[in-house]
Amino acid sequence: MSAGQSLTEADHRRVAMFMERMAGIQLPAHKRTLIETRLRRRLRETAKASMREYLDFALSPAGEAGEQVLLIDALTTNKTDFFREPAHFQYLERVVRDELAPRADLGWRQPLMVWSAACSSGEEPYTLAIVLRELEAELPGFRFQIDATDIARSVLATARSGVYRSDRIAPVPEALRRRYFLRSRDPAKGLVKMGPALKSVIEFYEFNLITGDYPAKPRYDVIFCRNVMIYFNGADRERIIAQLRASLRPGGLLFIGHSESIGNQRTGFESLIPTVYRRVD
């Protein structure tokens, strides 16, 4: 590897400041090697001679139109699974069946609105769609819609396609696989595609939790924002939680990751079970 492909301490500070400002993601010194490795592909694809030349381009006004999105994409960690942290999905199912359904004796006036924030490659919103489709079959008149967002363009492309390797769906019970997934016609490819019953109820789009335009008024009954706030500093985390609360309808539920906390922002929330909160007014 040539010296120009190495990330200097000064260039690490440049990219770390950019990522914290634009995406709220912290990239401390011990991640310098990881950053360098991930940026080499952008270096090659933009045909820049050195890491410094690439960053000069990406962080300039010329890079704002397209390269900065790809830079953020390259440095964003995306890890998820179907039915990850399964207690959350079990709890949601119980709330819809036992709390919401009895109140719907006059009919479901509007669909249950769900937001899968930081949805990564789509496993979370597709899991939500499976759980809610099962409830739809059980509860007459029940309807739902899922908005699924992420900052990284590449993982959203995977999510929209709904195509995964067969080993990725291991956590999904066999009966649900048969009901909702489509197998590749070529078994050698080992691919599975999400069926229309799932894809038709999910809208995928890009959204930055730091700089994005949140709903002007409460829109969602349920928000899943899991395993992403650990990457933000305290001030950004507080702002995001406040925005998520404002996006929830009164009584709406916020699900965060099991390694996360809403910290001191419990005002306006009621803790239901660990990492699940209800908006109270």
C-alpha atoms as a PDB file:
ATOM      1  CA  MET A   1       0.000   0.000   0.000  1.00  0.00           C
ATOM      2  CA  SER A   2       1.376   3.412  -0.938  1.00  0.00           C
ATOM      3  CA  ALA A   3       1.799   6.140   1.642  1.00  0.00           C
ATOM      4  CA  GLY A   4      -0.876   8.183  -0.109  1.00  0.00           C
ATOM      5  CA  GLN A   5      -3.477   5.538   0.668  1.00  0.00           C
ATOM      6  CA  SER A   6      -2.846   5.849   4.399  1.00  0.00           C
ATOM      7  CA  LEU A   7      -5.090   8.019   6.549  1.00  0.00           C
ATOM      8  CA  THR A   8      -3.020  10.571   8.434  1.00  0.00           C
ATOM      9  CA  GLU A   9      -3.950  11.782  11.883  1.00  0.00           C
ATOM     10  CA  ALA A  10      -4.957  15.160  10.436  1.00  0.00           C
ATOM     11  CA  ASP A  11      -7.148  13.580   7.753  1.00  0.00           C
ATOM     12  CA  HIS A  12      -8.732  11.317  10.352  1.00  0.00           C
ATOM     13  CA  ARG A  13      -9.730  14.414  12.311  1.00  0.00           C
ATOM     14  CA  ARG A  14     -11.223  15.953   9.154  1.00  0.00           C
ATOM     15  CA  VAL A  15     -13.407  12.988   8.336  1.00  0.00           C
ATOM     16  CA  ALA A  16     -14.360  12.440  11.997  1.00  0.00           C
ATOM     17  CA  MET A  17     -15.533  16.059  12.319  1.00  0.00           C
ATOM     18  CA  PHE A  18     -17.538  15.734   9.100  1.00  0.00           C
ATOM     19  CA  MET A  19     -19.234  12.502  10.216  1.00  0.00           C
ATOM     20  CA  GLU A  20     -20.146  13.898  13.623  1.00  0.00           C
ATOM     21  CA  ARG A  21     -21.543  17.086  12.107  1.00  0.00           C
ATOM     22  CA  MET A  22     -23.497  15.430   9.299  1.00  0.00           C
ATOM     23  CA  ALA A  23     -24.532  12.088  10.788  1.00  0.00           C
ATOM     24  CA  GLY A  24     -23.886  12.367  14.522  1.00  0.00           C
ATOM     25  CA  ILE A  25     -21.534   9.386  14.302  1.00  0.00           C
ATOM     26  CA  GLN A  26     -18.392   9.463  16.410  1.00  0.00           C
ATOM     27  CA  LEU A  27     -15.189   8.057  14.940  1.00  0.00           C
ATOM     28  CA  PRO A  28     -12.543   8.128  17.688  1.00  0.00           C
ATOM     29  CA  ALA A  29      -8.826   7.575  17.123  1.00  0.00           C
ATOM     30  CA  HIS A  30      -8.954   3.813  17.682  1.00  0.00           C
ATOM     31  CA  LYS A  31     -11.174   3.500  14.561  1.00  0.00           C
ATOM     32  CA  ARG A  32      -8.620   5.103  12.272  1.00  0.00           C
ATOM     33  CA  THR A  33      -7.561   1.810  10.652  1.00  0.00           C
ATOM     34  CA  LEU A  34     -11.209   0.828  10.074  1.00  0.00           C
ATOM     35  CA  ILE A  35     -11.917   4.205   8.458  1.00  0.00           C
ATOM     36  CA  GLU A  36      -8.874   3.866   6.214  1.00  0.00           C
ATOM     37  CA  THR A  37      -9.941   0.398   5.071  1.00  0.00           C
ATOM     38  CA  ARG A  38     -13.475   1.514   4.221  1.00  0.00           C
ATOM     39  CA  LEU A  39     -12.354   4.624   2.378  1.00  0.00           C
ATOM     40  CA  ARG A  40      -9.975   2.789   0.057  1.00  0.00           C
ATOM     41  CA  ARG A  41     -12.880   1.645  -2.097  1.00  0.00           C
ATOM     42  CA  ARG A  42     -14.049   5.247  -2.512  1.00  0.00           C
ATOM     43  CA  LEU A  43     -10.452   6.183  -3.338  1.00  0.00           C
ATOM     44  CA  ARG A  44     -10.405   3.617  -6.137  1.00  0.00           C
ATOM     45  CA  GLU A  45     -13.866   4.416  -7.480  1.00  0.00           C
ATOM     46  CA  THR A  46     -13.176   8.161  -7.672  1.00  0.00           C
ATOM     47  CA  ALA A  47      -9.699   7.554  -9.168  1.00  0.00           C
ATOM     48  CA  LYS A  48      -8.049   9.870  -6.666  1.00  0.00           C
ATOM     49  CA  ALA A  49      -4.299   9.498  -6.197  1.00  0.00           C
ATOM     50  CA  SER A  50      -4.237   9.735  -2.409  1.00  0.00           C
ATOM     51  CA  MET A  51      -6.466   9.701   0.650  1.00  0.00           C
ATOM     52  CA  ARG A  52      -5.865  13.423   1.107  1.00  0.00           C
ATOM     53  CA  GLU A  53      -6.874  14.166  -2.484  1.00  0.00           C
ATOM     54  CA  TYR A  54     -10.012  12.104  -2.048  1.00  0.00           C
ATOM     55  CA  LEU A  55     -11.001  13.915   1.155  1.00  0.00           C
ATOM     56  CA  ASP A  56     -10.219  17.303  -0.392  1.00  0.00           C
ATOM     57  CA  PHE A  57     -12.741  16.410  -3.098  1.00  0.00           C
ATOM     58  CA  ALA A  58     -15.362  14.705  -0.915  1.00  0.00           C
ATOM     59  CA  LEU A  59     -15.440  17.429   1.731  1.00  0.00           C
ATOM     60  CA  SER A  60     -15.492  20.309  -0.770  1.00  0.00           C
ATOM     61  CA  PRO A  61     -18.594  21.916  -2.326  1.00  0.00           C
ATOM     62  CA  ALA A  62     -17.947  19.717  -5.376  1.00  0.00           C
ATOM     63  CA  GLY A  63     -18.529  16.633  -3.236  1.00  0.00           C
ATOM     64  CA  GLU A  64     -21.818  17.792  -1.751  1.00  0.00           C
ATOM     65  CA  ALA A  65     -23.869  16.733  -4.767  1.00  0.00           C
ATOM     66  CA  GLY A  66     -23.104  13.040  -4.483  1.00  0.00           C
ATOM     67  CA  GLU A  67     -19.840  11.926  -2.939  1.00  0.00           C
ATOM     68  CA  GLN A  68     -20.639  12.978   0.607  1.00  0.00           C
ATOM     69  CA  VAL A  69     -23.607  10.608   0.662  1.00  0.00           C
ATOM     70  CA  LEU A  70     -21.317   7.783  -0.468  1.00  0.00           C
ATOM     71  CA  LEU A  71     -18.705   8.762   2.122  1.00  0.00           C
ATOM     72  CA  ILE A  72     -21.289   8.559   4.908  1.00  0.00           C
ATOM     73  CA  ASP A  73     -22.502   5.277   3.438  1.00  0.00           C
ATOM     74  CA  ALA A  74     -18.980   3.819   3.501  1.00  0.00           C
ATOM     75  CA  LEU A  75     -18.433   4.729   7.151  1.00  0.00           C
ATOM     76  CA  THR A  76     -21.820   3.644   8.496  1.00  0.00           C
ATOM     77  CA  THR A  77     -21.974   0.349  10.373  1.00  0.00           C
ATOM     78  CA  ASN A  78     -24.998  -1.757   9.430  1.00  0.00           C
ATOM     79  CA  LYS A  79     -25.723  -4.960  11.297  1.00  0.00           C
ATOM     80  CA  THR A  80     -29.155  -6.445  11.758  1.00  0.00           C
ATOM     81  CA  ASP A  81     -31.110  -9.703  11.630  1.00  0.00           C
ATOM     82  CA  PHE A  82     -34.649 -10.928  11.213  1.00  0.00           C
ATOM     83  CA  PHE A  83     -36.391 -11.046  14.621  1.00  0.00           C
ATOM     84  CA  ARG A  84     -33.401  -9.401  16.310  1.00  0.00           C
ATOM     85  CA  GLU A  85     -34.197  -8.849  20.010  1.00  0.00           C
ATOM     86  CA  PRO A  86     -37.363 -10.970  19.666  1.00  0.00           C
ATOM     87  CA  ALA A  87     -38.929  -9.800  22.943  1.00  0.00           C
ATOM     88  CA  HIS A  88     -39.698  -6.480  21.254  1.00  0.00           C
ATOM     89  CA  PHE A  89     -41.792  -8.108  18.548  1.00  0.00           C
ATOM     90  CA  GLN A  90     -43.574 -10.288  21.084  1.00  0.00           C
ATOM     91  CA  TYR A  91     -44.391  -7.233  23.161  1.00  0.00           C
ATOM     92  CA  LEU A  92     -45.679  -5.279  20.157  1.00  0.00           C
ATOM     93  CA  GLU A  93     -47.900  -8.205  19.192  1.00  0.00           C
ATOM     94  CA  ARG A  94     -49.315  -8.342  22.713  1.00  0.00           C
ATOM     95  CA  VAL A  95     -50.009  -4.600  22.847  1.00  0.00           C
ATOM     96  CA  VAL A  96     -51.820  -4.589  19.498  1.00  0.00           C
ATOM     97  CA  ARG A  97     -53.914  -7.618  20.383  1.00  0.00           C
ATOM     98  CA  ASP A  98     -54.669  -6.921  24.049  1.00  0.00           C
ATOM     99  CA  GLU A  99     -54.722  -3.112  24.262  1.00  0.00           C
ATOM    100  CA  LEU A 100     -55.488  -1.708  20.834  1.00  0.00           C
ATOM    101  CA  ALA A 101     -57.869  -4.322  19.480  1.00  0.00           C
ATOM    102  CA  PRO A 102     -60.423  -4.015  22.338  1.00  0.00           C
ATOM    103  CA  ARG A 103     -60.617  -0.269  21.643  1.00  0.00           C
ATOM    104  CA  ALA A 104     -61.421  -0.880  17.993  1.00  0.00           C
ATOM    105  CA  ASP A 105     -64.997  -2.072  18.542  1.00  0.00           C
ATOM    106  CA  LEU A 106     -66.182   0.795  16.341  1.00  0.00           C
ATOM    107  CA  GLY A 107     -63.740  -0.197  13.634  1.00  0.00           C
ATOM    108  CA  TRP A 108     -60.131   0.704  12.917  1.00  0.00           C
ATOM    109  CA  ARG A 109     -60.444   4.302  11.795  1.00  0.00           C
ATOM    110  CA  GLN A 110     -56.886   4.544  10.500  1.00  0.00           C
ATOM    111  CA  PRO A 111     -53.956   2.214   9.944  1.00  0.00           C
ATOM    112  CA  LEU A 112     -51.379   1.635  12.657  1.00  0.00           C
ATOM    113  CA  MET A 113     -48.412   3.782  11.581  1.00  0.00           C
ATOM    114  CA  VAL A 114     -44.972   2.323  12.287  1.00  0.00           C
ATOM    115  CA  TRP A 115     -41.536   3.849  11.711  1.00  0.00           C
ATOM    116  CA  SER A 116     -38.464   1.630  11.492  1.00  0.00           C
ATOM    117  CA  ALA A 117     -35.743   4.270  11.874  1.00  0.00           C
ATOM    118  CA  ALA A 118     -32.183   3.205  11.005  1.00  0.00           C
ATOM    119  CA  CYS A 119     -33.653   0.153   9.272  1.00  0.00           C
ATOM    120  CA  SER A 120     -30.318  -0.877   7.706  1.00  0.00           C
ATOM    121  CA  SER A 121     -30.754  -3.602   5.076  1.00  0.00           C
ATOM    122  CA  GLY A 122     -34.431  -4.128   5.864  1.00  0.00           C
ATOM    123  CA  GLU A 123     -34.641  -7.128   8.148  1.00  0.00           C
ATOM    124  CA  GLU A 124     -36.334  -5.121  10.917  1.00  0.00           C
ATOM    125  CA  PRO A 125     -39.194  -3.628   8.865  1.00  0.00           C
ATOM    126  CA  TYR A 126     -39.810  -6.958   7.120  1.00  0.00           C
ATOM    127  CA  THR A 127     -40.007  -8.634  10.534  1.00  0.00           C
ATOM    128  CA  LEU A 128     -42.484  -5.971  11.646  1.00  0.00           C
ATOM    129  CA  ALA A 129     -44.516  -6.598   8.495  1.00  0.00           C
ATOM    130  CA  ILE A 130     -44.628 -10.339   9.226  1.00  0.00           C
ATOM    131  CA  VAL A 131     -45.794  -9.795  12.816  1.00  0.00           C
ATOM    132  CA  LEU A 132     -48.438  -7.267  11.806  1.00  0.00           C
ATOM    133  CA  ARG A 133     -49.663  -9.299   8.823  1.00  0.00           C
ATOM    134  CA  GLU A 134     -50.277 -12.187  11.227  1.00  0.00           C
ATOM    135  CA  LEU A 135     -52.316  -9.851  13.433  1.00  0.00           C
ATOM    136  CA  GLU A 136     -54.170  -8.531  10.399  1.00  0.00           C
ATOM    137  CA  ALA A 137     -55.415 -12.051   9.710  1.00  0.00           C
ATOM    138  CA  GLU A 138     -56.592 -12.317  13.307  1.00  0.00           C
ATOM    139  CA  LEU A 139     -58.139  -8.866  13.895  1.00  0.00           C
ATOM    140  CA  PRO A 140     -60.983  -7.860  11.526  1.00  0.00           C
ATOM    141  CA  GLY A 141     -60.415  -4.418  10.032  1.00  0.00           C
ATOM    142  CA  PHE A 142     -56.868  -4.003  11.350  1.00  0.00           C
ATOM    143  CA  ARG A 143     -54.539  -2.200   8.937  1.00  0.00           C
ATOM    144  CA  PHE A 144     -50.990  -0.892   9.157  1.00  0.00           C
ATOM    145  CA  GLN A 145     -48.281   0.939   7.222  1.00  0.00           C
ATOM    146  CA  ILE A 146     -44.508   0.935   7.818  1.00  0.00           C
ATOM    147  CA  ASP A 147     -42.060   3.708   6.979  1.00  0.00           C
ATOM    148  CA  ALA A 148     -38.467   2.412   6.941  1.00  0.00           C
ATOM    149  CA  THR A 149     -35.524   4.791   6.774  1.00  0.00           C
ATOM    150  CA  ASP A 150     -31.751   4.788   6.870  1.00  0.00           C
ATOM    151  CA  ILE A 151     -28.937   7.183   6.103  1.00  0.00           C
ATOM    152  CA  ALA A 152     -26.989   4.651   4.013  1.00  0.00           C
ATOM    153  CA  ARG A 153     -28.017   4.421   0.370  1.00  0.00           C
ATOM    154  CA  SER A 154     -26.427   1.008  -0.240  1.00  0.00           C
ATOM    155  CA  VAL A 155     -28.318  -0.814   2.519  1.00  0.00           C
ATOM    156  CA  LEU A 156     -31.579   0.834   1.461  1.00  0.00           C
ATOM    157  CA  ALA A 157     -31.036  -0.614  -2.021  1.00  0.00           C
ATOM    158  CA  THR A 158     -30.829  -4.074  -0.440  1.00  0.00           C
ATOM    159  CA  ALA A 159     -33.912  -3.379   1.658  1.00  0.00           C
ATOM    160  CA  ARG A 160     -35.951  -2.229  -1.326  1.00  0.00           C
ATOM    161  CA  SER A 161     -34.959  -5.286  -3.350  1.00  0.00           C
ATOM    162  CA  GLY A 162     -35.991  -7.580  -0.494  1.00  0.00           C
ATOM    163  CA  VAL A 163     -33.553 -10.268  -1.638  1.00  0.00           C
ATOM    164  CA  TYR A 164     -31.401 -12.063   0.941  1.00  0.00           C
ATOM    165  CA  ARG A 165     -29.165 -15.099   1.207  1.00  0.00           C
ATOM    166  CA  SER A 166     -31.016 -18.122   2.552  1.00  0.00           C
ATOM    167  CA  ASP A 167     -28.894 -18.230   5.699  1.00  0.00           C
ATOM    168  CA  ARG A 168     -30.080 -14.720   6.650  1.00  0.00           C
ATOM    169  CA  ILE A 169     -33.635 -15.942   7.276  1.00  0.00           C
ATOM    170  CA  ALA A 170     -32.614 -18.636   9.787  1.00  0.00           C
ATOM    171  CA  PRO A 171     -34.372 -16.857  12.712  1.00  0.00           C
ATOM    172  CA  VAL A 172     -37.723 -16.895  10.861  1.00  0.00           C
ATOM    173  CA  PRO A 173     -40.017 -19.843  11.731  1.00  0.00           C
ATOM    174  CA  GLU A 174     -40.547 -22.212   8.815  1.00  0.00           C
ATOM    175  CA  ALA A 175     -44.315 -21.627   8.680  1.00  0.00           C
ATOM    176  CA  LEU A 176     -43.754 -17.880   8.244  1.00  0.00           C
ATOM    177  CA  ARG A 177     -41.115 -18.451   5.571  1.00  0.00           C
ATOM    178  CA  ARG A 178     -43.577 -20.499   3.527  1.00  0.00           C
ATOM    179  CA  ARG A 179     -46.259 -17.865   3.961  1.00  0.00           C
ATOM    180  CA  TYR A 180     -44.307 -14.723   3.135  1.00  0.00           C
ATOM    181  CA  PHE A 181     -41.053 -15.540   1.304  1.00  0.00           C
ATOM    182  CA  LEU A 182     -40.352 -16.546  -2.293  1.00  0.00           C
ATOM    183  CA  ARG A 183     -37.542 -18.976  -3.086  1.00  0.00           C
ATOM    184  CA  SER A 184     -35.238 -18.470  -6.039  1.00  0.00           C
ATOM    185  CA  ARG A 185     -36.049 -20.631  -9.043  1.00  0.00           C
ATOM    186  CA  ASP A 186     -32.370 -21.564  -9.073  1.00  0.00           C
ATOM    187  CA  PRO A 187     -31.669 -23.352  -5.747  1.00  0.00           C
ATOM    188  CA  ALA A 188     -27.932 -23.037  -6.364  1.00  0.00           C
ATOM    189  CA  LYS A 189     -28.172 -19.276  -5.847  1.00  0.00           C
ATOM    190  CA  GLY A 190     -29.415 -19.749  -2.285  1.00  0.00           C
ATOM    191  CA  LEU A 191     -31.548 -16.600  -2.375  1.00  0.00           C
ATOM    192  CA  VAL A 192     -34.896 -15.688  -0.828  1.00  0.00           C
ATOM    193  CA  LYS A 193     -37.137 -12.760  -1.785  1.00  0.00           C
ATOM    194  CA  MET A 194     -39.696 -11.002   0.363  1.00  0.00           C
ATOM    195  CA  GLY A 195     -43.178 -11.593  -1.029  1.00  0.00           C
ATOM    196  CA  PRO A 196     -45.676  -8.902  -2.086  1.00  0.00           C
ATOM    197  CA  ALA A 197     -47.650  -9.210   1.159  1.00  0.00           C
ATOM    198  CA  LEU A 198     -44.619  -7.720   2.946  1.00  0.00           C
ATOM    199  CA  LYS A 199     -43.232  -5.335   0.343  1.00  0.00           C
ATOM    200  CA  SER A 200     -46.592  -3.670  -0.306  1.00  0.00           C
ATOM    201  CA  VAL A 201     -46.861  -2.296   3.245  1.00  0.00           C
ATOM    202  CA  ILE A 202     -43.351  -0.795   3.566  1.00  0.00           C
ATOM    203  CA  GLU A 203     -42.098   2.508   2.180  1.00  0.00           C
ATOM    204  CA  PHE A 204     -38.293   2.846   2.171  1.00  0.00           C
ATOM    205  CA  TYR A 205     -36.536   6.199   1.963  1.00  0.00           C
ATOM    206  CA  GLU A 206     -33.360   7.987   3.054  1.00  0.00           C
ATOM    207  CA  PHE A 207     -33.424   9.871   6.330  1.00  0.00           C
ATOM    208  CA  ASN A 208     -30.723  11.426   8.499  1.00  0.00           C
ATOM    209  CA  LEU A 209     -31.633  11.336  12.196  1.00  0.00           C
ATOM    210  CA  ILE A 210     -29.418  14.370  12.819  1.00  0.00           C
ATOM    211  CA  THR A 211     -30.370  16.688   9.954  1.00  0.00           C
ATOM    212  CA  GLY A 212     -33.636  15.192   8.664  1.00  0.00           C
ATOM    213  CA  ASP A 213     -37.022  16.900   8.623  1.00  0.00           C
ATOM    214  CA  TYR A 214     -39.108  15.078  11.217  1.00  0.00           C
ATOM    215  CA  PRO A 215     -42.919  15.065  10.905  1.00  0.00           C
ATOM    216  CA  ALA A 216     -44.443  18.468  11.575  1.00  0.00           C
ATOM    217  CA  LYS A 217     -47.044  16.823  13.818  1.00  0.00           C
ATOM    218  CA  PRO A 218     -47.323  13.448  15.567  1.00  0.00           C
ATOM    219  CA  ARG A 219     -47.616  10.732  12.931  1.00  0.00           C
ATOM    220  CA  TYR A 220     -46.567   7.383  14.351  1.00  0.00           C
ATOM    221  CA  ASP A 221     -48.103   4.898  16.766  1.00  0.00           C
ATOM    222  CA  VAL A 222     -44.883   2.865  16.993  1.00  0.00           C
ATOM    223  CA  ILE A 223     -41.243   3.803  16.418  1.00  0.00           C
ATOM    224  CA  PHE A 224     -38.373   1.311  16.381  1.00  0.00           C
ATOM    225  CA  CYS A 225     -35.045   3.149  16.673  1.00  0.00           C
ATOM    226  CA  ARG A 226     -32.697   0.445  17.846  1.00  0.00           C
ATOM    227  CA  ASN A 227     -28.947   0.009  18.098  1.00  0.00           C
ATOM    228  CA  VAL A 228     -28.064   3.299  16.447  1.00  0.00           C
ATOM    229  CA  MET A 229     -28.036   5.879  19.250  1.00  0.00           C
ATOM    230  CA  ILE A 230     -24.962   4.243  20.775  1.00  0.00           C
ATOM    231  CA  TYR A 231     -22.990   5.913  17.973  1.00  0.00           C
ATOM    232  CA  PHE A 232     -24.098   9.452  18.908  1.00  0.00           C
ATOM    233  CA  ASN A 233     -22.803  11.834  21.535  1.00  0.00           C
ATOM    234  CA  GLY A 234     -25.042  12.775  24.458  1.00  0.00           C
ATOM    235  CA  ALA A 235     -26.329  16.038  23.003  1.00  0.00           C
ATOM    236  CA  ASP A 236     -27.264  14.476  19.659  1.00  0.00           C
ATOM    237  CA  ARG A 237     -28.902  11.558  21.441  1.00  0.00           C
ATOM    238  CA  GLU A 238     -31.062  13.940  23.475  1.00  0.00           C
ATOM    239  CA  ARG A 239     -32.148  15.844  20.369  1.00  0.00           C
ATOM    240  CA  ILE A 240     -33.030  12.634  18.527  1.00  0.00           C
ATOM    241  CA  ILE A 241     -35.071  11.261  21.422  1.00  0.00           C
ATOM    242  CA  ALA A 242     -36.954  14.566  21.706  1.00  0.00           C
ATOM    243  CA  GLN A 243     -37.700  14.477  17.959  1.00  0.00           C
ATOM    244  CA  LEU A 244     -38.829  10.857  18.113  1.00  0.00           C
ATOM    245  CA  ARG A 245     -41.159  11.665  21.002  1.00  0.00           C
ATOM    246  CA  ALA A 246     -42.631  14.573  19.039  1.00  0.00           C
ATOM    247  CA  SER A 247     -43.189  12.201  16.102  1.00  0.00           C
ATOM    248  CA  LEU A 248     -45.216   9.787  18.264  1.00  0.00           C
ATOM    249  CA  ARG A 249     -48.914  10.167  18.772  1.00  0.00           C
ATOM    250  CA  PRO A 250     -49.958  10.357  22.454  1.00  0.00           C
ATOM    251  CA  GLY A 251     -49.768   6.812  23.812  1.00  0.00           C
ATOM    252  CA  GLY A 252     -47.372   5.761  21.044  1.00  0.00           C
ATOM    253  CA  LEU A 253     -44.524   3.338  21.709  1.00  0.00           C
ATOM    254  CA  LEU A 254     -40.766   3.862  21.328  1.00  0.00           C
ATOM    255  CA  PHE A 255     -38.513   0.794  21.084  1.00  0.00           C
ATOM    256  CA  ILE A 256     -34.740   1.248  21.518  1.00  0.00           C
ATOM    257  CA  GLY A 257     -31.918  -1.307  21.534  1.00  0.00           C
ATOM    258  CA  HIS A 258     -31.194  -3.453  24.577  1.00  0.00           C
ATOM    259  CA  SER A 259     -27.758  -1.833  24.940  1.00  0.00           C
ATOM    260  CA  GLU A 260     -29.257   1.674  24.850  1.00  0.00           C
ATOM    261  CA  SER A 261     -30.992   4.076  27.206  1.00  0.00           C
ATOM    262  CA  ILE A 262     -32.969   7.295  26.891  1.00  0.00           C
ATOM    263  CA  GLY A 263     -30.884   8.619  29.766  1.00  0.00           C
ATOM    264  CA  ASN A 264     -32.346  11.620  31.556  1.00  0.00           C
ATOM    265  CA  GLN A 265     -35.134  12.154  29.030  1.00  0.00           C
ATOM    266  CA  ARG A 266     -37.757  10.139  30.825  1.00  0.00           C
ATOM    267  CA  THR A 267     -40.069  13.147  31.144  1.00  0.00           C
ATOM    268  CA  GLY A 268     -42.872  12.545  28.694  1.00  0.00           C
ATOM    269  CA  PHE A 269     -42.255   8.792  28.618  1.00  0.00           C
ATOM    270  CA  GLU A 270     -43.557   5.909  30.677  1.00  0.00           C
ATOM    271  CA  SER A 271     -41.274   2.876  30.909  1.00  0.00           C
ATOM    272  CA  LEU A 272     -43.240  -0.273  30.054  1.00  0.00           C
ATOM    273  CA  ILE A 273     -40.569  -2.968  29.913  1.00  0.00           C
ATOM    274  CA  PRO A 274     -36.794  -2.536  29.526  1.00  0.00           C
ATOM    275  CA  THR A 275     -36.081  -0.440  26.386  1.00  0.00           C
ATOM    276  CA  VAL A 276     -39.780   0.098  25.550  1.00  0.00           C
ATOM    277  CA  TYR A 277     -41.425   3.439  26.369  1.00  0.00           C
ATOM    278  CA  ARG A 278     -44.858   4.962  25.940  1.00  0.00           C
ATOM    279  CA  ARG A 279     -45.386   8.659  25.166  1.00  0.00           C
ATOM    280  CA  VAL A 280     -47.420  10.325  27.891  1.00  0.00           C
ATOM    281  CA  ASP A 281     -48.654  13.931  27.882  1.00  0.00           C
END
